[in-house]
Amino acid sequence: MEQYEFTTFLHNQEYGFSLIPPEIDSLLQKEIPVFMIVNMHAESFDAFSFFRNIRNVKEAQAINIIAYTDIKHDHEGIHKAKTHGVKYVCTKEQVKELLGHIQKVLH
């Protein structure tokens, strides 16, 4: 189901939502901090290639990635994401909790 389940949290036009990440250049043009929530095991794109591309762009340090997995005990995936430069790796439930908290704070 990928990221579709997060649409209820991201209904506000202030937030972007896409099954395929935007081009890195377009993210760098934002004048606000960019946080991306990325499914490490997405079927619509190769998340690890995306992580590698962001890591290789020096200016992309302002892009923060929250990678998540819905696989229990995904030690291999977590380690792989960390080796690709991802600082924040969590479970899908933790992402839902984070988004729910953000939604409460904003309303």
C-alpha atoms as a PDB file:
ATOM      1  CA  MET A   1       0.000   0.000   0.000  1.00  0.00           C
ATOM      2  CA  GLU A   2       3.091   2.178   0.273  1.00  0.00           C
ATOM      3  CA  GLN A   3       2.542   5.770   1.338  1.00  0.00           C
ATOM      4  CA  TYR A   4      -1.178   6.038   0.471  1.00  0.00           C
ATOM      5  CA  GLU A   5      -2.114   5.447   4.084  1.00  0.00           C
ATOM      6  CA  PHE A   6      -0.443   8.723   5.089  1.00  0.00           C
ATOM      7  CA  THR A   7      -2.719  10.874   2.903  1.00  0.00           C
ATOM      8  CA  THR A   8      -5.094  11.542   5.817  1.00  0.00           C
ATOM      9  CA  PHE A   9      -2.212  13.143   7.689  1.00  0.00           C
ATOM     10  CA  LEU A  10      -0.986  15.103   4.666  1.00  0.00           C
ATOM     11  CA  HIS A  11      -4.259  16.572   3.366  1.00  0.00           C
ATOM     12  CA  ASN A  12      -3.078  20.142   4.001  1.00  0.00           C
ATOM     13  CA  GLN A  13      -1.729  21.864   0.862  1.00  0.00           C
ATOM     14  CA  GLU A  14       1.290  22.939   2.886  1.00  0.00           C
ATOM     15  CA  TYR A  15       2.681  19.416   2.558  1.00  0.00           C
ATOM     16  CA  GLY A  16       3.609  17.564  -0.588  1.00  0.00           C
ATOM     17  CA  PHE A  17       2.780  13.955  -1.277  1.00  0.00           C
ATOM     18  CA  SER A  18       4.140  11.759  -4.028  1.00  0.00           C
ATOM     19  CA  LEU A  19       4.724   8.076  -4.591  1.00  0.00           C
ATOM     20  CA  ILE A  20       7.828   8.963  -6.567  1.00  0.00           C
ATOM     21  CA  PRO A  21      10.260  11.470  -5.020  1.00  0.00           C
ATOM     22  CA  PRO A  22      10.692  14.780  -6.831  1.00  0.00           C
ATOM     23  CA  GLU A  23      13.977  15.663  -8.492  1.00  0.00           C
ATOM     24  CA  ILE A  24      16.673  16.621  -6.006  1.00  0.00           C
ATOM     25  CA  ASP A  25      17.192  19.970  -7.772  1.00  0.00           C
ATOM     26  CA  SER A  26      13.570  20.951  -7.122  1.00  0.00           C
ATOM     27  CA  LEU A  27      13.959  20.084  -3.441  1.00  0.00           C
ATOM     28  CA  LEU A  28      17.067  22.247  -3.168  1.00  0.00           C
ATOM     29  CA  GLN A  29      15.112  25.263  -4.450  1.00  0.00           C
ATOM     30  CA  LYS A  30      12.804  25.231  -1.424  1.00  0.00           C
ATOM     31  CA  GLU A  31      13.413  28.005   1.060  1.00  0.00           C
ATOM     32  CA  ILE A  32      12.156  25.901   3.941  1.00  0.00           C
ATOM     33  CA  PRO A  33      13.589  22.785   5.573  1.00  0.00           C
ATOM     34  CA  VAL A  34      12.626  19.678   3.612  1.00  0.00           C
ATOM     35  CA  PHE A  35      11.684  16.467   5.393  1.00  0.00           C
ATOM     36  CA  MET A  36      10.922  13.424   3.310  1.00  0.00           C
ATOM     37  CA  ILE A  37       9.241  10.280   4.579  1.00  0.00           C
ATOM     38  CA  VAL A  38      10.436   7.397   2.440  1.00  0.00           C
ATOM     39  CA  ASN A  39       9.382   3.755   2.455  1.00  0.00           C
ATOM     40  CA  MET A  40      12.651   1.813   2.288  1.00  0.00           C
ATOM     41  CA  HIS A  41      10.891  -1.021   0.473  1.00  0.00           C
ATOM     42  CA  ALA A  42       8.793   1.073  -1.913  1.00  0.00           C
ATOM     43  CA  GLU A  43       7.629  -0.676  -5.066  1.00  0.00           C
ATOM     44  CA  SER A  44       7.309   2.515  -7.133  1.00  0.00           C
ATOM     45  CA  PHE A  45      11.020   3.485  -7.001  1.00  0.00           C
ATOM     46  CA  ASP A  46      14.385   2.333  -5.640  1.00  0.00           C
ATOM     47  CA  ALA A  47      14.675   4.054  -2.270  1.00  0.00           C
ATOM     48  CA  PHE A  48      18.320   3.147  -1.770  1.00  0.00           C
ATOM     49  CA  SER A  49      19.337   4.690  -5.089  1.00  0.00           C
ATOM     50  CA  PHE A  50      17.460   7.821  -4.026  1.00  0.00           C
ATOM     51  CA  PHE A  51      19.320   7.838  -0.680  1.00  0.00           C
ATOM     52  CA  ARG A  52      22.639   7.432  -2.497  1.00  0.00           C
ATOM     53  CA  ASN A  53      21.837  10.275  -4.914  1.00  0.00           C
ATOM     54  CA  ILE A  54      20.946  12.643  -2.080  1.00  0.00           C
ATOM     55  CA  ARG A  55      24.095  11.716  -0.175  1.00  0.00           C
ATOM     56  CA  ASN A  56      26.205  12.492  -3.267  1.00  0.00           C
ATOM     57  CA  VAL A  57      24.813  16.039  -3.616  1.00  0.00           C
ATOM     58  CA  LYS A  58      26.694  18.331  -1.245  1.00  0.00           C
ATOM     59  CA  GLU A  59      23.911  20.950  -1.135  1.00  0.00           C
ATOM     60  CA  ALA A  60      21.360  18.279  -0.190  1.00  0.00           C
ATOM     61  CA  GLN A  61      22.377  18.377   3.454  1.00  0.00           C
ATOM     62  CA  ALA A  62      19.271  20.522   4.058  1.00  0.00           C
ATOM     63  CA  ILE A  63      17.088  17.597   2.973  1.00  0.00           C
ATOM     64  CA  ASN A  64      16.145  15.407   5.922  1.00  0.00           C
ATOM     65  CA  ILE A  65      15.000  11.868   5.263  1.00  0.00           C
ATOM     66  CA  ILE A  66      12.880   9.785   7.575  1.00  0.00           C
ATOM     67  CA  ALA A  67      13.056   6.254   6.199  1.00  0.00           C
ATOM     68  CA  TYR A  68      10.610   3.684   7.443  1.00  0.00           C
ATOM     69  CA  THR A  69      10.015  -0.011   7.121  1.00  0.00           C
ATOM     70  CA  ASP A  70       6.953  -2.132   7.727  1.00  0.00           C
ATOM     71  CA  ILE A  71       8.999  -5.331   7.951  1.00  0.00           C
ATOM     72  CA  LYS A  72       9.390  -6.617  11.515  1.00  0.00           C
ATOM     73  CA  HIS A  73      12.971  -6.865  12.735  1.00  0.00           C
ATOM     74  CA  ASP A  74      14.307  -5.357   9.501  1.00  0.00           C
ATOM     75  CA  HIS A  75      17.891  -5.136  10.778  1.00  0.00           C
ATOM     76  CA  GLU A  76      19.335  -5.562   7.284  1.00  0.00           C
ATOM     77  CA  GLY A  77      17.189  -2.765   5.821  1.00  0.00           C
ATOM     78  CA  ILE A  78      17.922  -0.436   8.738  1.00  0.00           C
ATOM     79  CA  HIS A  79      21.670  -1.047   8.429  1.00  0.00           C
ATOM     80  CA  LYS A  80      21.528  -0.515   4.659  1.00  0.00           C
ATOM     81  CA  ALA A  81      19.660   2.793   5.062  1.00  0.00           C
ATOM     82  CA  LYS A  82      22.163   3.986   7.656  1.00  0.00           C
ATOM     83  CA  THR A  83      25.086   3.123   5.349  1.00  0.00           C
ATOM     84  CA  HIS A  84      23.371   5.237   2.671  1.00  0.00           C
ATOM     85  CA  GLY A  85      23.453   8.256   5.000  1.00  0.00           C
ATOM     86  CA  VAL A  86      19.900   8.145   6.373  1.00  0.00           C
ATOM     87  CA  LYS A  87      19.868   9.498   9.930  1.00  0.00           C
ATOM     88  CA  TYR A  88      16.286   8.672  10.874  1.00  0.00           C
ATOM     89  CA  VAL A  89      14.980   5.134  10.415  1.00  0.00           C
ATOM     90  CA  CYS A  90      11.790   3.975  12.067  1.00  0.00           C
ATOM     91  CA  THR A  91       8.790   1.691  11.779  1.00  0.00           C
ATOM     92  CA  LYS A  92       5.605   2.567   9.944  1.00  0.00           C
ATOM     93  CA  GLU A  93       3.803   2.848  13.285  1.00  0.00           C
ATOM     94  CA  GLN A  94       6.351   5.390  14.510  1.00  0.00           C
ATOM     95  CA  VAL A  95       5.789   7.457  11.352  1.00  0.00           C
ATOM     96  CA  LYS A  96       2.023   7.372  11.913  1.00  0.00           C
ATOM     97  CA  GLU A  97       2.548   8.504  15.498  1.00  0.00           C
ATOM     98  CA  LEU A  98       4.849  11.339  14.372  1.00  0.00           C
ATOM     99  CA  LEU A  99       2.403  12.518  11.711  1.00  0.00           C
ATOM    100  CA  GLY A 100      -0.485  12.302  14.166  1.00  0.00           C
ATOM    101  CA  HIS A 101       1.446  14.436  16.639  1.00  0.00           C
ATOM    102  CA  ILE A 102       2.286  17.020  13.960  1.00  0.00           C
ATOM    103  CA  GLN A 103      -1.351  17.104  12.887  1.00  0.00           C
ATOM    104  CA  LYS A 104      -2.511  17.740  16.474  1.00  0.00           C
ATOM    105  CA  VAL A 105       0.020  20.517  17.004  1.00  0.00           C
ATOM    106  CA  LEU A 106      -0.996  22.290  13.796  1.00  0.00           C
ATOM    107  CA  HIS A 107      -4.729  22.238  14.526  1.00  0.00           C
END
